[in-house]
Amino acid sequence: MKLWMPWALSRCGGNRNSLHRNRLCLLAFQRGCQTRPVHTAEAEIQPLLNADNGTQTDPQDHLIYQLPPKGELRPESPGLRDFLHRVEDMVVKELASNAKSHAFDGFDVNWEDQNETVSCIHCLQHPSAQEKGLQVTSISWSCTGSVIACAFGRVDDGDWSTEKSCVCTWNLDRRGLNPKRPDMVIDVARPVMSLSFHPSQPSLIAGGLYSGEVVVWDTNRTQDLILAQTGMSTDTHREPVYQVAWVPGPRRGEMVVLSAGSGGRVLLWTVDSDEGRLVLSAGFALIRQQVPHNSALSKNRGSSNVGVTSLALSPWDLDTFLVGSESGLVLKCSFSAQTLAAAPPDGESVTLRAPAQFSFSPRGGPVHSLHCSPFHRNLFVSVGTDGLAHLHSLLQPDPLLSLRVSDSYVFGVRWSPTRPLLFAAATGQGLVQIFDLGRKSLRPAATLDQLTGGQPVYCLEFNPRRKDLLAVGNADGSVNIWHLSTELTEQGPRETAKLEQLANEVAE
């Protein structure tokens, strides 16, 4: 390639007689370059499917129905005006009457098909746990209502404190669900006594162990599932943890873990996921001398601690919780209590407080389960070794009503999340009894036989999302999922009003 560049002009020298004294000389330079070979390629593509689609509207003059131009009235049908004037007063009168009627108060329209049967749709089992003779000690539904988790341990007598156990989960929405093969098995070094899913994060599960430890697992992890744990520190429970729950923390949106054990301690733990530990943030001690006066206390010469066997949180008042004890006491407690607990220091990193505010009439033995009504702020139900279900008001020491559930122990009780007058109880005879307080008869409205050969039922939970599902944990190591009938799940007319009337009754 040649490049001519007229960038330099000069005078050409010569003698004075030169004819071109002032001639300009154009300098030319020649340069060359070369690029690397350029590679090209051609390719063709063709779609697998071709589709054409088109629409067309009809001309306006062919439309059968047209709105009249703005401001122009459509011709009325013959007699329509006279008919409307004739029935106007009657229709207005009926509408005014219906607006004042209470016939359908509390009634929700159900557009779903009515289900008249109760059936067991799944029997979930972990064969390895059953071979060891482990029992289902606690169950919990995830916040989505799809996953059920169960804890394995033992409730019967014996020295099994060093026995290994596990936590299993099943996703009921999983395609090809295998009831004898859990979706996840979490091996635990000690028996698990209590379990609770996080209320908004479906991968987090809190568990209380027989050793007194509290653990939080994250099922989204692929390696170590333990997100945080207490370990065996001076803050840890010394006795089995019979209850764990998630409660609101001091910071907005924060949830902390509550644990309660037979040592009389109710502790609150903050989850430190970075350090992998649960940090004690607050603690309460139930001391016999600080419980509101009750004649039953003076007869108890045992430990000064009130051993906790059950606990219930109020959905109406976040400051209130109920405690059931080994001695049969039921106590109303407050998270905001400031009275210092009369307990000798035992190495705790926080100052323990005395939460008991009110004492209810004691039962004849341990209170195994408590549950607050989701439909009335003052009502709760308790069950225990006396075989009765006691309906209480927070405003009275004596129960409003006592129902015979079983001739054996009753280990669990839960109010229905959809029926104000209905609750279910788990018995030591292998049955779940469902009671409807709206019926004239106090006999069970339904009895669910778990087919465990008479072995006890230790726990039960209604599904928080699917109102027709009830999970039941059994002593033989199985978890039954029951599909409830419409009668047991659909609220009837004036049911809330009947519950209010029952709550206002004075105990005899």
Protein backbone atom coordinates (compact mmCIF):
# COMPACT_ATOMS: atom_id res chain seq x y z
CA MET A 1 0.00 0.00 0.00
CA LYS A 2 1.37 3.41 -0.97
CA LEU A 3 0.74 6.46 1.09
CA TRP A 4 1.34 9.89 -0.25
CA MET A 5 1.71 12.45 2.45
CA PRO A 6 2.15 16.10 1.42
CA TRP A 7 3.27 17.03 4.85
CA ALA A 8 6.67 18.52 4.05
CA LEU A 9 7.36 21.37 1.76
CA SER A 10 10.88 22.58 1.07
CA ARG A 11 12.80 24.68 -1.28
CA CYS A 12 15.05 22.84 -3.68
CA GLY A 13 18.48 24.23 -3.60
CA GLY A 14 20.56 25.08 -6.73
CA ASN A 15 22.51 27.92 -8.18
CA ARG A 16 21.12 31.33 -8.62
CA ASN A 17 20.54 30.79 -12.30
CA SER A 18 18.26 27.94 -11.69
CA LEU A 19 14.90 28.37 -13.40
CA HIS A 20 13.08 26.83 -10.50
CA ARG A 21 14.52 28.84 -7.65
CA ASN A 22 11.36 28.78 -5.67
CA ARG A 23 10.07 25.36 -6.70
CA LEU A 24 8.19 23.38 -4.01
CA CYS A 25 9.07 19.77 -3.68
CA LEU A 26 6.49 17.18 -2.66
CA LEU A 27 7.92 14.42 -0.58
CA ALA A 28 6.33 11.00 -0.84
CA PHE A 29 6.62 8.14 1.59
CA GLN A 30 5.66 4.56 1.05
CA ARG A 31 4.53 2.27 3.92
CA GLY A 32 2.87 -1.15 4.21
CA CYS A 33 0.90 -3.26 6.80
CA GLN A 34 -1.02 -6.54 6.95
CA THR A 35 -3.76 -7.91 9.27
CA ARG A 36 -4.25 -11.48 10.45
CA PRO A 37 -6.59 -13.60 8.36
CA VAL A 38 -10.23 -12.92 9.10
CA HIS A 39 -12.25 -16.10 9.60
CA THR A 40 -15.92 -16.09 8.66
CA ALA A 41 -18.66 -18.65 9.07
CA GLU A 42 -22.26 -19.00 8.03
CA ALA A 43 -25.02 -20.85 9.82
CA GLU A 44 -28.74 -21.28 9.40
CA ILE A 45 -31.48 -21.88 11.98
CA GLN A 46 -35.09 -22.79 11.60
CA PRO A 47 -37.85 -22.79 14.25
CA LEU A 48 -39.42 -26.13 15.05
CA LEU A 49 -42.97 -24.79 15.05
CA ASN A 50 -44.60 -22.06 13.08
CA ALA A 51 -47.90 -20.51 14.02
CA ASP A 52 -49.94 -17.70 12.58
CA ASN A 53 -52.89 -16.16 14.32
CA GLY A 54 -55.21 -13.36 13.46
CA THR A 55 -58.37 -11.67 14.67
CA GLN A 56 -60.87 -9.39 13.09
CA THR A 57 -63.71 -7.35 14.49
CA ASP A 58 -67.07 -7.06 12.83
CA PRO A 59 -68.03 -3.79 11.23
CA GLN A 60 -69.96 -1.58 13.62
CA ASP A 61 -73.11 -1.61 11.51
CA HIS A 62 -73.31 -5.42 11.89
CA LEU A 63 -73.26 -5.47 15.72
CA ILE A 64 -76.37 -6.93 17.29
CA TYR A 65 -76.01 -5.00 20.56
CA GLN A 66 -74.73 -1.43 20.75
CA LEU A 67 -74.62 1.03 23.58
CA PRO A 68 -76.71 4.10 22.87
CA PRO A 69 -74.83 7.33 22.13
CA LYS A 70 -74.03 9.46 25.15
CA GLY A 71 -77.05 11.43 26.29
CA GLU A 72 -79.50 9.33 24.32
CA LEU A 73 -81.94 7.06 26.21
CA ARG A 74 -82.72 3.54 25.07
CA PRO A 75 -86.38 2.77 24.46
CA GLU A 76 -87.86 0.98 27.49
CA SER A 77 -89.44 -2.44 27.38
CA PRO A 78 -93.22 -2.30 27.57
CA GLY A 79 -94.46 -2.26 31.17
CA LEU A 80 -90.99 -2.20 32.79
CA ARG A 81 -91.40 1.26 34.33
CA ASP A 82 -94.80 0.38 35.80
CA PHE A 83 -93.45 -2.89 37.26
CA LEU A 84 -90.49 -1.19 38.99
CA HIS A 85 -92.72 1.47 40.53
CA ARG A 86 -95.14 -1.21 41.71
CA VAL A 87 -92.54 -3.35 43.57
CA GLU A 88 -90.21 -0.57 44.77
CA ASP A 89 -91.72 -0.14 48.24
CA MET A 90 -91.84 -3.88 48.88
CA VAL A 91 -88.19 -4.44 47.83
CA VAL A 92 -86.91 -1.52 49.93
CA LYS A 93 -88.82 -2.82 52.97
CA GLU A 94 -87.30 -6.32 52.61
CA LEU A 95 -83.78 -4.95 52.16
CA ALA A 96 -84.12 -2.82 55.30
CA SER A 97 -85.39 -5.85 57.25
CA ASN A 98 -82.49 -8.05 56.07
CA ALA A 99 -79.95 -5.39 57.04
CA LYS A 100 -81.13 -5.61 60.67
CA SER A 101 -81.26 -9.42 60.80
CA HIS A 102 -78.61 -11.49 62.66
CA ALA A 103 -79.72 -14.84 61.26
CA PHE A 104 -76.44 -15.39 59.39
CA ASP A 105 -73.96 -13.85 61.83
CA GLY A 106 -70.72 -15.85 61.90
CA PHE A 107 -71.72 -17.87 58.84
CA ASP A 108 -69.20 -18.15 56.00
CA VAL A 109 -70.25 -19.35 52.59
CA ASN A 110 -68.43 -22.56 51.62
CA TRP A 111 -68.11 -23.05 47.88
CA GLU A 112 -66.17 -26.30 48.24
CA ASP A 113 -67.63 -29.77 48.00
CA GLN A 114 -68.99 -31.07 51.28
CA ASN A 115 -66.98 -33.92 52.83
CA GLU A 116 -68.99 -36.10 55.19
CA THR A 117 -66.30 -38.64 56.13
CA VAL A 118 -63.26 -38.73 58.41
CA SER A 119 -60.37 -40.81 57.11
CA CYS A 120 -56.68 -41.49 57.77
CA ILE A 121 -54.93 -40.53 54.52
CA HIS A 122 -51.30 -41.16 55.60
CA CYS A 123 -49.55 -43.32 58.17
CA LEU A 124 -46.00 -41.96 58.31
CA GLN A 125 -43.27 -44.17 59.75
CA HIS A 126 -39.49 -44.24 60.14
CA PRO A 127 -38.67 -47.98 60.35
CA SER A 128 -35.25 -47.41 61.91
CA ALA A 129 -36.75 -45.47 64.82
CA GLN A 130 -39.52 -48.02 65.29
CA GLU A 131 -36.99 -50.86 65.45
CA LYS A 132 -35.37 -49.06 68.41
CA GLY A 133 -38.74 -48.73 70.11
CA LEU A 134 -38.68 -44.92 69.90
CA GLN A 135 -41.92 -43.02 70.37
CA VAL A 136 -43.24 -39.86 68.71
CA THR A 137 -42.91 -37.26 71.47
CA SER A 138 -43.79 -34.09 69.52
CA ILE A 139 -44.99 -32.98 66.09
CA SER A 140 -45.15 -29.62 64.32
CA TRP A 141 -46.48 -28.30 61.01
CA SER A 142 -44.47 -25.86 58.91
CA CYS A 143 -45.92 -22.39 58.32
CA THR A 144 -46.78 -23.40 54.75
CA GLY A 145 -48.84 -26.36 55.95
CA SER A 146 -47.00 -28.72 53.60
CA VAL A 147 -44.35 -30.27 55.86
CA ILE A 148 -44.87 -32.23 59.06
CA ALA A 149 -41.94 -32.77 61.45
CA CYS A 150 -41.89 -35.34 64.23
CA ALA A 151 -39.52 -35.85 67.15
CA PHE A 152 -38.54 -39.28 68.41
CA GLY A 153 -37.78 -40.03 72.04
CA ARG A 154 -39.41 -41.80 74.95
CA VAL A 155 -42.13 -40.87 77.39
CA ASP A 156 -42.20 -44.13 79.34
CA ASP A 157 -40.04 -44.94 82.35
CA GLY A 158 -36.45 -46.11 82.11
CA ASP A 159 -32.87 -44.91 81.88
CA TRP A 160 -32.64 -43.89 78.26
CA SER A 161 -30.89 -40.55 78.68
CA THR A 162 -28.00 -41.54 76.41
CA GLU A 163 -30.09 -43.12 73.67
CA LYS A 164 -29.76 -41.57 70.22
CA SER A 165 -32.84 -40.39 68.36
CA CYS A 166 -33.81 -38.27 65.36
CA VAL A 167 -36.17 -35.72 63.86
CA CYS A 168 -37.97 -36.64 60.61
CA THR A 169 -39.86 -34.52 58.09
CA TRP A 170 -42.32 -35.40 55.32
CA ASN A 171 -43.56 -33.02 52.61
CA LEU A 172 -47.15 -34.07 51.95
CA ASP A 173 -47.14 -32.17 48.64
CA ARG A 174 -44.16 -34.09 47.30
CA ARG A 175 -44.93 -36.20 44.26
CA GLY A 176 -44.51 -39.87 45.03
CA LEU A 177 -44.65 -39.47 48.83
CA ASN A 178 -43.33 -42.58 50.56
CA PRO A 179 -44.91 -42.82 54.03
CA LYS A 180 -42.16 -45.18 55.22
CA ARG A 181 -39.29 -43.05 53.98
CA PRO A 182 -38.94 -39.53 55.45
CA ASP A 183 -37.80 -36.74 53.14
CA MET A 184 -35.22 -35.76 55.76
CA VAL A 185 -33.80 -37.50 58.82
CA ILE A 186 -31.84 -35.40 61.35
CA ASP A 187 -29.79 -37.59 63.68
CA VAL A 188 -29.68 -36.34 67.27
CA ALA A 189 -27.38 -37.56 70.05
CA ARG A 190 -30.14 -37.39 72.70
CA PRO A 191 -33.89 -38.06 72.73
CA VAL A 192 -35.95 -35.11 71.44
CA MET A 193 -38.83 -34.15 73.72
CA SER A 194 -40.32 -31.08 71.97
CA LEU A 195 -40.40 -29.51 68.53
CA SER A 196 -41.57 -26.27 66.91
CA PHE A 197 -41.37 -24.90 63.36
CA HIS A 198 -40.55 -21.21 62.90
CA PRO A 199 -43.80 -19.25 62.30
CA SER A 200 -42.58 -17.62 59.06
CA GLN A 201 -39.37 -19.40 57.95
CA PRO A 202 -40.32 -22.97 56.97
CA SER A 203 -36.74 -24.26 57.03
CA LEU A 204 -36.11 -23.53 60.75
CA ILE A 205 -37.04 -26.04 63.48
CA ALA A 206 -36.42 -25.60 67.20
CA GLY A 207 -36.07 -28.67 69.39
CA GLY A 208 -35.76 -29.40 73.11
CA LEU A 209 -33.72 -32.43 74.20
CA TYR A 210 -33.90 -34.75 77.19
CA SER A 211 -30.41 -33.57 78.20
CA GLY A 212 -31.69 -29.99 78.65
CA GLU A 213 -30.14 -28.65 75.46
CA VAL A 214 -32.03 -26.53 72.91
CA VAL A 215 -31.17 -26.77 69.21
CA VAL A 216 -32.27 -24.92 66.06
CA TRP A 217 -31.91 -26.80 62.77
CA ASP A 218 -31.94 -25.26 59.28
CA THR A 219 -33.19 -27.83 56.76
CA ASN A 220 -31.97 -25.71 53.83
CA ARG A 221 -28.37 -26.51 54.73
CA THR A 222 -26.63 -29.30 52.86
CA GLN A 223 -23.97 -30.21 55.44
CA ASP A 224 -24.33 -29.44 59.14
CA LEU A 225 -28.01 -28.74 59.75
CA ILE A 226 -27.46 -27.22 63.21
CA LEU A 227 -27.92 -23.45 62.90
CA ALA A 228 -27.49 -22.74 66.62
CA GLN A 229 -27.50 -24.60 69.93
CA THR A 230 -27.14 -23.95 73.63
CA GLY A 231 -24.54 -26.59 74.32
CA MET A 232 -23.94 -27.75 77.89
CA SER A 233 -23.29 -24.37 79.49
CA THR A 234 -24.27 -22.94 82.86
CA ASP A 235 -27.30 -21.33 81.19
CA THR A 236 -28.65 -24.60 79.84
CA HIS A 237 -31.55 -26.51 81.40
CA ARG A 238 -30.45 -29.29 83.71
CA GLU A 239 -33.58 -31.36 83.10
CA PRO A 240 -35.59 -32.43 80.02
CA VAL A 241 -37.05 -29.63 77.88
CA TYR A 242 -40.75 -30.43 77.53
CA GLN A 243 -41.72 -27.33 75.55
CA VAL A 244 -40.15 -25.10 72.89
CA ALA A 245 -41.82 -22.27 70.99
CA TRP A 246 -41.01 -19.17 68.94
CA VAL A 247 -42.01 -15.84 70.49
CA PRO A 248 -41.48 -12.21 69.36
CA GLY A 249 -38.15 -10.73 70.42
CA PRO A 250 -37.25 -7.20 71.52
CA ARG A 251 -36.36 -6.08 67.99
CA ARG A 252 -38.99 -5.62 65.32
CA GLY A 253 -39.51 -8.79 63.31
CA GLU A 254 -37.15 -10.82 65.53
CA MET A 255 -38.22 -14.20 66.86
CA VAL A 256 -36.54 -15.83 69.86
CA VAL A 257 -36.78 -19.40 71.14
CA LEU A 258 -38.66 -20.13 74.37
CA SER A 259 -37.85 -23.30 76.27
CA ALA A 260 -39.36 -24.76 79.44
CA GLY A 261 -38.31 -27.78 81.47
CA SER A 262 -39.05 -29.84 84.51
CA GLY A 263 -36.45 -27.88 86.47
CA GLY A 264 -38.87 -24.97 86.76
CA ARG A 265 -37.04 -22.68 84.32
CA VAL A 266 -38.59 -20.81 81.38
CA LEU A 267 -35.79 -19.37 79.23
CA LEU A 268 -35.64 -17.12 76.17
CA TRP A 269 -32.82 -17.61 73.64
CA THR A 270 -31.59 -15.30 70.87
CA VAL A 271 -30.37 -17.08 67.73
CA ASP A 272 -26.77 -16.11 66.87
CA SER A 273 -26.35 -17.84 63.51
CA ASP A 274 -22.89 -16.35 62.94
CA GLU A 275 -21.50 -17.96 66.09
CA GLY A 276 -23.75 -21.00 65.82
CA ARG A 277 -25.13 -20.68 69.32
CA LEU A 278 -28.24 -19.74 71.26
CA VAL A 279 -27.61 -16.84 73.64
CA LEU A 280 -29.69 -16.59 76.82
CA SER A 281 -31.51 -13.22 76.74
CA ALA A 282 -34.03 -13.62 79.60
CA GLY A 283 -35.02 -16.20 82.18
CA PHE A 284 -37.81 -17.02 84.63
CA ALA A 285 -37.90 -19.38 87.59
CA LEU A 286 -41.05 -20.85 89.09
CA ILE A 287 -40.42 -21.12 92.82
CA ARG A 288 -43.01 -22.72 95.07
CA GLN A 289 -42.80 -19.97 97.68
CA GLN A 290 -43.52 -17.26 95.07
CA VAL A 291 -46.53 -18.89 93.44
CA PRO A 292 -49.81 -17.07 94.31
CA HIS A 293 -51.33 -18.59 97.46
CA ASN A 294 -52.85 -22.02 97.03
CA SER A 295 -53.58 -24.63 99.69
CA ALA A 296 -52.08 -27.39 97.56
CA LEU A 297 -48.64 -25.83 97.83
CA SER A 298 -48.38 -26.24 101.57
CA LYS A 299 -48.85 -30.00 101.20
CA ASN A 300 -46.02 -30.32 98.71
CA ARG A 301 -42.77 -30.97 100.55
CA GLY A 302 -40.68 -31.71 97.49
CA SER A 303 -38.34 -29.44 95.59
CA SER A 304 -38.78 -25.70 95.83
CA ASN A 305 -38.98 -25.55 92.02
CA VAL A 306 -42.30 -25.96 90.22
CA GLY A 307 -41.50 -28.46 87.45
CA VAL A 308 -42.95 -27.37 84.09
CA THR A 309 -44.64 -30.11 82.06
CA SER A 310 -46.59 -27.96 79.59
CA LEU A 311 -46.83 -24.36 78.39
CA ALA A 312 -49.23 -22.36 76.22
CA LEU A 313 -48.90 -18.91 74.66
CA SER A 314 -51.84 -16.54 74.46
CA PRO A 315 -52.61 -15.47 70.86
CA TRP A 316 -54.44 -12.43 72.25
CA ASP A 317 -51.88 -11.06 74.70
CA LEU A 318 -48.19 -11.48 73.83
CA ASP A 319 -47.24 -10.82 77.47
CA THR A 320 -49.25 -13.75 78.85
CA PHE A 321 -48.33 -17.42 78.97
CA LEU A 322 -49.74 -20.39 80.88
CA VAL A 323 -47.75 -23.10 82.63
CA GLY A 324 -48.82 -26.59 83.67
CA SER A 325 -46.79 -28.34 86.36
CA GLU A 326 -45.90 -31.79 87.66
CA SER A 327 -47.88 -31.12 90.85
CA GLY A 328 -51.11 -30.34 88.98
CA LEU A 329 -50.87 -26.54 89.21
CA VAL A 330 -51.86 -24.31 86.32
CA LEU A 331 -50.31 -20.83 86.49
CA LYS A 332 -50.93 -17.64 84.58
CA CYS A 333 -47.58 -15.91 83.99
CA SER A 334 -46.26 -12.67 82.53
CA PHE A 335 -43.15 -12.02 80.43
CA SER A 336 -42.98 -8.47 81.82
CA ALA A 337 -42.80 -9.56 85.47
CA GLN A 338 -40.04 -7.71 87.33
CA THR A 339 -40.04 -9.56 90.67
CA LEU A 340 -36.72 -11.33 91.20
CA ALA A 341 -36.93 -15.08 91.58
CA ALA A 342 -36.10 -16.42 95.05
CA ALA A 343 -33.74 -18.99 93.56
CA PRO A 344 -30.09 -19.38 94.58
CA PRO A 345 -27.65 -18.36 91.81
CA ASP A 346 -26.65 -21.31 89.65
CA GLY A 347 -24.26 -19.68 87.21
CA GLU A 348 -26.87 -18.12 84.91
CA SER A 349 -25.72 -15.16 82.83
CA VAL A 350 -29.03 -13.32 83.39
CA THR A 351 -31.07 -12.48 86.47
CA LEU A 352 -34.04 -14.84 86.80
CA ARG A 353 -37.48 -13.36 87.46
CA ALA A 354 -40.66 -14.77 89.03
CA PRO A 355 -43.41 -14.75 86.35
CA ALA A 356 -46.41 -16.31 88.17
CA GLN A 357 -49.37 -13.92 88.51
CA PHE A 358 -52.37 -16.16 89.20
CA SER A 359 -52.99 -19.75 90.25
CA PHE A 360 -55.90 -21.91 89.08
CA SER A 361 -57.43 -24.80 90.99
CA PRO A 362 -54.92 -27.68 90.99
CA ARG A 363 -55.49 -31.04 89.36
CA GLY A 364 -54.80 -34.44 90.85
CA GLY A 365 -51.62 -35.05 88.84
CA PRO A 366 -49.31 -33.61 86.19
CA VAL A 367 -50.85 -31.28 83.60
CA HIS A 368 -49.70 -32.71 80.28
CA SER A 369 -51.07 -30.12 77.87
CA LEU A 370 -52.61 -26.64 77.69
CA HIS A 371 -54.01 -24.65 74.78
CA CYS A 372 -55.54 -21.18 74.52
CA SER A 373 -58.67 -20.61 72.46
CA PRO A 374 -58.01 -18.80 69.15
CA PHE A 375 -61.57 -17.42 69.30
CA HIS A 376 -61.83 -16.02 72.84
CA ARG A 377 -59.13 -14.18 74.77
CA ASN A 378 -60.08 -15.59 78.20
CA LEU A 379 -60.63 -19.29 77.46
CA PHE A 380 -58.18 -22.17 77.57
CA VAL A 381 -58.36 -25.94 78.02
CA SER A 382 -56.11 -28.23 80.08
CA VAL A 383 -55.68 -32.02 80.27
CA GLY A 384 -53.61 -34.40 82.37
CA THR A 385 -53.53 -37.59 84.36
CA ASP A 386 -57.09 -37.26 85.69
CA GLY A 387 -58.55 -38.14 82.28
CA LEU A 388 -60.59 -34.93 82.12
CA ALA A 389 -60.53 -31.88 79.86
CA HIS A 390 -61.03 -28.73 81.91
CA LEU A 391 -62.37 -25.59 80.24
CA HIS A 392 -61.04 -22.52 82.09
CA SER A 393 -61.53 -18.79 82.07
CA LEU A 394 -58.52 -16.64 82.86
CA LEU A 395 -60.79 -14.65 85.17
CA GLN A 396 -61.76 -17.52 87.50
CA PRO A 397 -59.75 -20.05 89.50
CA ASP A 398 -62.18 -22.95 89.01
CA PRO A 399 -62.94 -24.52 85.62
CA LEU A 400 -66.16 -23.58 83.82
CA LEU A 401 -66.64 -27.13 82.58
CA SER A 402 -64.97 -30.53 82.93
CA LEU A 403 -65.45 -33.29 80.37
CA ARG A 404 -64.57 -36.96 80.73
CA VAL A 405 -62.17 -37.72 77.87
CA SER A 406 -60.67 -41.04 78.87
CA ASP A 407 -60.38 -43.54 81.70
CA SER A 408 -56.64 -43.26 81.17
CA TYR A 409 -54.27 -40.31 80.93
CA VAL A 410 -54.80 -37.49 78.41
CA PHE A 411 -51.52 -36.34 76.87
CA GLY A 412 -52.47 -33.59 74.42
CA VAL A 413 -55.23 -31.11 73.61
CA ARG A 414 -55.74 -28.59 70.81
CA TRP A 415 -58.51 -26.16 69.90
CA SER A 416 -59.73 -26.28 66.32
CA PRO A 417 -58.37 -23.35 64.26
CA THR A 418 -61.71 -23.03 62.42
CA ARG A 419 -64.45 -24.16 64.87
CA PRO A 420 -64.80 -21.99 68.01
CA LEU A 421 -66.58 -24.73 69.99
CA LEU A 422 -64.46 -27.70 68.95
CA PHE A 423 -61.27 -29.21 70.42
CA ALA A 424 -59.44 -32.54 70.12
CA ALA A 425 -57.70 -34.55 72.86
CA ALA A 426 -55.11 -37.37 72.67
CA THR A 427 -55.61 -40.24 75.11
CA GLY A 428 -53.51 -42.97 76.64
CA GLN A 429 -55.83 -45.58 75.08
CA GLY A 430 -54.79 -44.89 71.50
CA LEU A 431 -57.78 -42.67 70.67
CA VAL A 432 -58.29 -39.04 69.67
CA GLN A 433 -61.57 -37.68 71.04
CA ILE A 434 -63.10 -34.63 69.33
CA PHE A 435 -65.61 -32.62 71.38
CA ASP A 436 -68.16 -30.09 70.14
CA LEU A 437 -69.25 -27.80 72.99
CA GLY A 438 -72.25 -26.68 70.94
CA ARG A 439 -73.91 -30.06 71.23
CA LYS A 440 -76.39 -30.86 73.95
CA SER A 441 -74.56 -34.09 74.73
CA LEU A 442 -71.08 -33.92 76.25
CA ARG A 443 -70.06 -37.12 74.47
CA PRO A 444 -67.37 -36.90 71.76
CA ALA A 445 -68.56 -35.72 68.36
CA ALA A 446 -66.00 -38.05 66.76
CA THR A 447 -63.53 -40.72 67.88
CA LEU A 448 -60.39 -41.41 65.84
CA ASP A 449 -58.86 -44.82 66.54
CA GLN A 450 -55.13 -44.75 65.75
CA LEU A 451 -54.98 -48.57 65.48
CA THR A 452 -51.90 -48.73 67.69
CA GLY A 453 -53.00 -51.75 69.66
CA GLY A 454 -54.05 -49.57 72.57
CA GLN A 455 -50.72 -47.75 72.82
CA PRO A 456 -50.99 -44.08 73.85
CA VAL A 457 -51.32 -41.05 71.62
CA TYR A 458 -48.80 -38.46 72.84
CA CYS A 459 -49.38 -35.40 70.65
CA LEU A 460 -51.62 -33.88 67.98
CA GLU A 461 -51.66 -30.73 65.87
CA PHE A 462 -54.19 -29.14 63.51
CA ASN A 463 -52.73 -27.91 60.23
CA PRO A 464 -52.46 -24.08 60.32
CA ARG A 465 -53.14 -23.75 56.58
CA ARG A 466 -55.30 -26.71 55.65
CA LYS A 467 -58.24 -26.75 58.00
CA ASP A 468 -59.20 -30.32 57.18
CA LEU A 469 -55.89 -31.97 58.25
CA LEU A 470 -55.01 -33.22 61.73
CA ALA A 471 -51.65 -34.86 62.58
CA VAL A 472 -51.43 -37.38 65.44
CA GLY A 473 -48.20 -38.74 66.98
CA ASN A 474 -48.32 -42.20 68.56
CA ALA A 475 -46.32 -44.30 71.01
CA ASP A 476 -45.67 -46.96 68.36
CA GLY A 477 -43.54 -44.47 66.39
CA SER A 478 -46.11 -43.60 63.72
CA VAL A 479 -47.70 -40.30 62.69
CA ASN A 480 -51.23 -40.45 61.29
CA ILE A 481 -52.58 -37.68 59.05
CA TRP A 482 -56.37 -37.44 59.27
CA HIS A 483 -58.70 -35.77 56.78
CA LEU A 484 -61.60 -34.28 58.72
CA SER A 485 -65.19 -33.95 57.60
CA THR A 486 -66.90 -30.66 56.79
CA GLU A 487 -68.94 -30.94 59.99
CA LEU A 488 -65.70 -30.82 62.02
CA THR A 489 -64.15 -27.93 60.10
CA GLU A 490 -66.93 -25.56 58.99
CA GLN A 491 -68.15 -23.00 61.52
CA GLY A 492 -71.85 -23.08 62.23
CA PRO A 493 -74.22 -20.14 62.70
CA ARG A 494 -73.88 -18.18 65.95
CA GLU A 495 -71.03 -20.44 67.09
CA THR A 496 -68.92 -17.49 68.27
CA ALA A 497 -71.88 -16.13 70.23
CA LYS A 498 -72.33 -19.48 71.97
CA LEU A 499 -68.66 -19.49 72.94
CA GLU A 500 -69.03 -15.98 74.37
CA GLN A 501 -72.02 -17.12 76.37
CA LEU A 502 -70.05 -20.07 77.71
CA ALA A 503 -67.14 -17.81 78.69
CA ASN A 504 -69.44 -15.53 80.65
CA GLU A 505 -70.79 -18.32 82.83
CA VAL A 506 -69.69 -18.37 86.46
CA ALA A 507 -68.06 -21.55 87.68
CA GLU A 508 -70.16 -23.42 90.22
